[in-house]
Protein backbone atom coordinates (compact mmCIF):
# COMPACT_ATOMS: atom_id res chain seq x y z
CA UNK A 1 201.84 27.86 95.86
CA UNK A 2 203.76 26.31 92.98
CA UNK A 3 203.79 22.53 92.70
CA UNK A 4 207.05 20.62 93.05
CA UNK A 5 206.91 20.07 89.27
CA UNK A 6 206.61 23.83 88.64
CA UNK A 7 209.63 24.30 90.89
CA UNK A 8 211.51 21.80 88.70
CA UNK A 9 210.40 23.70 85.57
CA UNK A 10 211.62 26.97 87.14
CA UNK A 11 214.99 25.47 88.11
CA UNK A 12 214.30 25.79 91.85
CA UNK A 13 214.62 22.03 92.37
CA UNK A 14 217.06 19.82 90.43
CA UNK A 15 215.82 16.95 88.27
CA UNK A 16 217.25 14.35 85.91
CA UNK A 17 215.82 15.88 82.73
CA UNK A 18 215.68 13.62 79.69
CA UNK A 19 213.88 15.94 77.25
CA UNK A 20 212.55 19.47 77.18
CA UNK A 21 211.05 21.99 74.82
CA UNK A 22 209.26 25.31 75.32
CA UNK A 23 206.03 23.70 76.57
CA UNK A 24 206.93 20.28 78.04
CA UNK A 25 209.47 18.57 80.24
CA UNK A 26 210.37 14.91 80.82
CA UNK A 27 212.44 13.82 83.81
CA UNK A 28 213.19 10.66 85.77
CA UNK A 29 210.85 9.82 88.63
CA UNK A 30 212.87 9.95 91.87
CA UNK A 31 210.77 7.10 93.27
CA UNK A 32 210.76 4.82 90.20
CA UNK A 33 208.98 1.51 89.88
CA UNK A 34 211.34 0.52 87.05
CA UNK A 35 214.66 1.62 85.61
CA UNK A 36 213.92 4.55 83.32
CA UNK A 37 210.54 5.46 84.89
CA UNK A 38 209.98 8.93 83.45
CA UNK A 39 207.45 11.67 84.15
CA UNK A 40 206.22 13.91 81.34
CA UNK A 41 204.59 17.22 82.22
CA UNK A 42 203.35 20.39 80.62
CA UNK A 43 205.34 23.36 81.88
CA UNK A 44 202.08 25.17 82.51
CA UNK A 45 200.75 24.13 85.91
CA UNK A 46 197.31 22.58 85.57
CA UNK A 47 196.22 20.06 88.20
CA UNK A 48 194.08 17.65 86.17
CA UNK A 49 195.19 16.38 82.78
CA UNK A 50 191.69 16.65 81.31
CA UNK A 51 191.55 20.32 82.29
CA UNK A 52 194.38 21.06 79.82
CA UNK A 53 193.20 22.91 76.72
CA UNK A 54 193.14 20.73 73.61
CA UNK A 55 196.36 22.09 72.12
CA UNK A 56 198.34 21.62 75.34
CA UNK A 57 196.83 18.16 75.91
CA UNK A 58 197.55 16.96 72.37
CA UNK A 59 201.04 18.42 72.50
CA UNK A 60 201.69 16.64 75.81
CA UNK A 61 200.66 13.32 74.25
CA UNK A 62 202.91 13.90 71.22
CA UNK A 63 205.84 14.87 73.45
CA UNK A 64 205.25 11.78 75.63
CA UNK A 65 205.25 9.60 72.49
CA UNK A 66 208.63 11.01 71.43
CA UNK A 67 210.04 10.38 74.90
CA UNK A 68 208.56 6.85 75.04
CA UNK A 69 210.16 5.93 71.71
CA UNK A 70 213.56 7.07 73.00
CA UNK A 71 212.97 5.37 76.34
CA UNK A 72 212.26 2.03 74.64
CA UNK A 73 215.50 2.33 72.64
CA UNK A 74 217.48 3.14 75.79
CA UNK A 75 216.03 0.67 78.30
CA UNK A 76 215.45 -2.95 77.20
CA UNK A 77 211.74 -3.67 77.62
CA UNK A 78 208.74 -5.22 75.87
CA UNK A 79 206.80 -1.95 75.88
CA UNK A 80 206.65 1.38 77.62
CA UNK A 81 203.59 1.53 79.85
CA UNK A 82 201.64 4.77 80.06
CA UNK A 83 199.77 5.80 83.20
CA UNK A 84 198.04 8.95 84.30
CA UNK A 85 197.64 8.75 88.05
CA UNK A 86 198.78 10.33 91.23
CA UNK A 87 197.12 12.73 93.59
CA UNK A 88 200.21 13.85 95.49
CA UNK A 89 201.35 16.49 93.00
CA UNK A 90 198.67 18.89 91.70
CA UNK A 91 200.26 19.15 88.26
CA UNK A 92 199.18 17.09 85.26
CA UNK A 93 201.69 14.36 84.48
CA UNK A 94 202.13 11.14 82.55
CA UNK A 95 204.17 8.19 83.83
CA UNK A 96 206.21 6.32 81.19
CA UNK A 97 207.40 3.01 82.59
CA UNK A 98 209.58 0.45 80.77
CA UNK A 99 207.89 -2.91 81.30
CA UNK A 100 208.36 -6.59 80.65
CA UNK A 101 204.87 -7.43 81.94
CA UNK A 102 201.87 -5.64 83.42
CA UNK A 103 203.04 -6.20 86.98
CA UNK A 104 205.99 -3.88 86.28
CA UNK A 105 203.55 -1.01 85.83
CA UNK A 106 200.87 -1.90 88.34
CA UNK A 107 202.98 -2.30 91.47
CA UNK A 108 203.61 1.24 92.69
CA UNK A 109 204.48 -0.01 96.17
CA UNK A 110 207.66 -1.63 94.82
CA UNK A 111 209.85 1.46 94.40
CA UNK A 112 213.40 1.06 93.10
CA UNK A 113 216.43 2.83 94.53
CA UNK A 114 219.22 4.21 92.39
CA UNK A 115 222.34 6.16 93.29
CA UNK A 116 222.92 9.64 91.89
CA UNK A 117 225.42 8.11 89.47
CA UNK A 118 222.87 5.53 88.30
CA UNK A 119 220.21 8.23 87.81
CA UNK A 120 222.71 10.28 85.79
CA UNK A 121 223.65 7.28 83.65
CA UNK A 122 219.98 6.40 83.00
CA UNK A 123 219.16 10.04 82.17
CA UNK A 124 222.02 10.30 79.69
CA UNK A 125 221.14 6.99 78.05
CA UNK A 126 217.52 8.02 77.51
CA UNK A 127 218.41 11.58 76.41
CA UNK A 128 220.74 10.23 73.72
CA UNK A 129 217.93 8.12 72.27
CA UNK A 130 215.30 10.86 71.98
CA UNK A 131 215.23 12.26 68.45
């Protein structure tokens, strides 16, 4: 059975996409811990990030870097935190989280809520800043 992320890749489930190429996709987390919280995935469904072949893994990291640079331009923050965690979705993914301090990244129980309009505004702001 395809993961929810594969369903997003295949257009079966909508997402607030901020960047995409032939191998990777970045979209806003629907349960964000910070404004701009973005997930970066390979389009190929592989459960564990360290099971990705070297080319796909290195490409994912490069794509995430490009997205993080645009994210930092779009959302005022000290840095963009990078986390690889989560057991709920069996599809490798990287969390990019704008942060002012470490607590912004470490508190996954403090989810933010945004309206559809706010998600759309955030998505467009980030997308415009990715080169």
